[in-house]
Amino acid sequence: MSLWESFTRAVYKETVLVWALGLYGTSLVSAVVLPNFVDKHKVKRPSAPPSLKEVMAGIQKKLNN
């Protein structure tokens, strides 16, 4: 049996197997890859935006330097 015949048989006749493997692969990616990816690319953001006084003080400091 050729590779193409195996593929068409798996897709058209063994759909439950294909869906199960797809769900397994998706869950594996979401359990292993995504947490590592999110942790490395997480940016620490302030909990609240700076006040107008802080912004103006920062601008004034940059202008004076």
N, C-alpha and C. Protein backbone atom coordinates (compact mmCIF):
# COMPACT_ATOMS: atom_id res chain seq x y z
N MET A 1 0.85 -1.17 0.00
CA MET A 1 0.00 0.00 0.00
C MET A 1 0.90 1.24 0.00
N SER A 2 0.62 2.13 -0.93
CA SER A 2 1.44 3.33 -1.04
C SER A 2 1.09 4.34 0.05
N LEU A 3 1.91 5.32 0.16
CA LEU A 3 1.70 6.36 1.16
C LEU A 3 0.41 7.13 0.88
N TRP A 4 0.15 7.41 -0.40
CA TRP A 4 -1.07 8.14 -0.76
C TRP A 4 -2.32 7.32 -0.43
N GLU A 5 -2.28 6.03 -0.70
CA GLU A 5 -3.42 5.17 -0.36
C GLU A 5 -3.64 5.12 1.14
N SER A 6 -2.57 5.05 1.89
CA SER A 6 -2.69 5.05 3.35
C SER A 6 -3.27 6.36 3.85
N PHE A 7 -2.84 7.46 3.25
CA PHE A 7 -3.36 8.77 3.64
C PHE A 7 -4.84 8.90 3.33
N THR A 8 -5.25 8.52 2.12
CA THR A 8 -6.66 8.65 1.76
C THR A 8 -7.52 7.71 2.59
N ARG A 9 -7.02 6.54 2.90
CA ARG A 9 -7.79 5.62 3.75
C ARG A 9 -7.94 6.20 5.15
N ALA A 10 -6.87 6.79 5.68
CA ALA A 10 -6.94 7.38 7.02
C ALA A 10 -7.89 8.55 7.05
N VAL A 11 -7.88 9.38 6.02
CA VAL A 11 -8.73 10.57 6.03
C VAL A 11 -10.19 10.22 5.77
N TYR A 12 -10.45 9.34 4.82
CA TYR A 12 -11.83 9.09 4.42
C TYR A 12 -12.50 7.95 5.17
N LYS A 13 -11.73 6.99 5.66
CA LYS A 13 -12.35 5.84 6.31
C LYS A 13 -12.09 5.79 7.81
N GLU A 14 -11.02 6.38 8.25
CA GLU A 14 -10.65 6.33 9.66
C GLU A 14 -10.73 7.74 10.27
N THR A 15 -11.86 8.39 10.10
CA THR A 15 -11.97 9.79 10.54
C THR A 15 -11.87 9.92 12.05
N VAL A 16 -12.35 8.92 12.78
CA VAL A 16 -12.26 8.99 14.24
C VAL A 16 -10.80 8.98 14.68
N LEU A 17 -10.00 8.17 14.03
CA LEU A 17 -8.57 8.12 14.34
C LEU A 17 -7.90 9.46 14.03
N VAL A 18 -8.26 10.05 12.90
CA VAL A 18 -7.67 11.33 12.51
C VAL A 18 -8.04 12.41 13.52
N TRP A 19 -9.32 12.46 13.92
CA TRP A 19 -9.76 13.46 14.91
C TRP A 19 -9.08 13.22 16.25
N ALA A 20 -8.95 11.97 16.65
CA ALA A 20 -8.31 11.67 17.93
C ALA A 20 -6.84 12.11 17.92
N LEU A 21 -6.14 11.84 16.83
CA LEU A 21 -4.74 12.26 16.74
C LEU A 21 -4.62 13.78 16.70
N GLY A 22 -5.56 14.44 16.02
CA GLY A 22 -5.56 15.90 15.98
C GLY A 22 -5.79 16.50 17.34
N LEU A 23 -6.75 15.97 18.07
CA LEU A 23 -7.02 16.47 19.42
C LEU A 23 -5.84 16.19 20.36
N TYR A 24 -5.24 15.03 20.22
CA TYR A 24 -4.08 14.69 21.04
C TYR A 24 -2.93 15.65 20.75
N GLY A 25 -2.68 15.90 19.49
CA GLY A 25 -1.60 16.82 19.13
C GLY A 25 -1.86 18.23 19.63
N THR A 26 -3.10 18.68 19.50
CA THR A 26 -3.45 20.02 19.97
C THR A 26 -3.29 20.14 21.48
N SER A 27 -3.75 19.13 22.20
CA SER A 27 -3.63 19.18 23.66
C SER A 27 -2.16 19.11 24.09
N LEU A 28 -1.37 18.35 23.37
CA LEU A 28 0.06 18.27 23.68
C LEU A 28 0.74 19.62 23.46
N VAL A 29 0.40 20.28 22.38
CA VAL A 29 0.98 21.60 22.10
C VAL A 29 0.55 22.60 23.17
N SER A 30 -0.73 22.58 23.52
CA SER A 30 -1.21 23.56 24.51
C SER A 30 -0.67 23.27 25.90
N ALA A 31 -0.33 22.03 26.19
CA ALA A 31 0.18 21.69 27.51
C ALA A 31 1.69 21.90 27.63
N VAL A 32 2.43 21.74 26.54
CA VAL A 32 3.88 21.78 26.63
C VAL A 32 4.46 23.05 26.00
N VAL A 33 4.06 23.36 24.80
CA VAL A 33 4.71 24.44 24.05
C VAL A 33 4.21 25.80 24.49
N LEU A 34 2.91 25.98 24.58
CA LEU A 34 2.36 27.31 24.87
C LEU A 34 2.79 27.88 26.22
N PRO A 35 2.80 27.13 27.32
CA PRO A 35 3.26 27.74 28.57
C PRO A 35 4.70 28.25 28.50
N ASN A 36 5.57 27.50 27.85
CA ASN A 36 6.96 27.95 27.70
C ASN A 36 7.04 29.20 26.83
N PHE A 37 6.24 29.25 25.79
CA PHE A 37 6.25 30.39 24.88
C PHE A 37 5.71 31.64 25.57
N VAL A 38 4.63 31.49 26.31
CA VAL A 38 4.01 32.64 26.97
C VAL A 38 4.90 33.18 28.08
N ASP A 39 5.54 32.31 28.85
CA ASP A 39 6.41 32.76 29.94
C ASP A 39 7.61 33.55 29.43
N LYS A 40 8.17 33.13 28.32
CA LYS A 40 9.35 33.81 27.79
C LYS A 40 9.01 35.17 27.19
N HIS A 41 7.80 35.31 26.68
CA HIS A 41 7.43 36.54 25.99
C HIS A 41 6.49 37.41 26.80
N LYS A 42 6.38 37.13 28.07
CA LYS A 42 5.50 37.92 28.92
C LYS A 42 6.20 39.22 29.31
N VAL A 43 5.50 40.31 29.17
CA VAL A 43 6.06 41.62 29.49
C VAL A 43 5.41 42.09 30.78
N LYS A 44 6.24 42.57 31.69
CA LYS A 44 5.69 43.09 32.94
C LYS A 44 5.14 44.48 32.68
N ARG A 45 3.86 44.63 32.91
CA ARG A 45 3.19 45.90 32.69
C ARG A 45 2.73 46.46 34.03
N PRO A 46 2.70 47.76 34.15
CA PRO A 46 2.20 48.34 35.40
C PRO A 46 0.71 48.06 35.56
N SER A 47 0.28 47.99 36.80
CA SER A 47 -1.12 47.66 37.05
C SER A 47 -2.04 48.82 36.70
N ALA A 48 -1.54 50.05 36.76
CA ALA A 48 -2.34 51.22 36.42
C ALA A 48 -1.49 52.17 35.58
N PRO A 49 -2.11 52.92 34.72
CA PRO A 49 -1.33 53.87 33.92
C PRO A 49 -0.77 54.98 34.81
N PRO A 50 0.33 55.59 34.41
CA PRO A 50 0.91 56.66 35.23
C PRO A 50 -0.01 57.88 35.26
N SER A 51 0.09 58.62 36.33
CA SER A 51 -0.74 59.82 36.46
C SER A 51 -0.17 60.93 35.57
N LEU A 52 -0.96 61.96 35.38
CA LEU A 52 -0.53 63.07 34.54
C LEU A 52 0.70 63.76 35.13
N LYS A 53 0.75 63.86 36.45
CA LYS A 53 1.91 64.49 37.09
C LYS A 53 3.19 63.69 36.82
N GLU A 54 3.09 62.36 36.89
CA GLU A 54 4.26 61.52 36.62
C GLU A 54 4.70 61.66 35.17
N VAL A 55 3.74 61.72 34.27
CA VAL A 55 4.08 61.86 32.85
C VAL A 55 4.76 63.20 32.60
N MET A 56 4.19 64.25 33.15
CA MET A 56 4.77 65.58 32.96
C MET A 56 6.16 65.68 33.59
N ALA A 57 6.35 65.05 34.76
CA ALA A 57 7.66 65.05 35.40
C ALA A 57 8.68 64.31 34.54
N GLY A 58 8.27 63.20 33.94
CA GLY A 58 9.16 62.44 33.07
C GLY A 58 9.55 63.23 31.83
N ILE A 59 8.58 63.94 31.24
CA ILE A 59 8.87 64.77 30.07
C ILE A 59 9.82 65.90 30.45
N GLN A 60 9.54 66.54 31.57
CA GLN A 60 10.40 67.65 32.02
C GLN A 60 11.82 67.17 32.29
N LYS A 61 11.94 65.98 32.87
CA LYS A 61 13.26 65.42 33.17
C LYS A 61 14.03 65.16 31.88
N LYS A 62 13.34 64.64 30.86
CA LYS A 62 14.01 64.37 29.58
C LYS A 62 14.41 65.68 28.89
N LEU A 63 13.58 66.70 29.01
CA LEU A 63 13.91 67.97 28.39
C LEU A 63 15.09 68.65 29.07
N ASN A 64 15.22 68.48 30.37
CA ASN A 64 16.31 69.11 31.11
C ASN A 64 17.64 68.42 30.89
N ASN A 65 17.64 67.15 30.51
CA ASN A 65 18.90 66.41 30.32
C ASN A 65 19.46 66.63 28.97
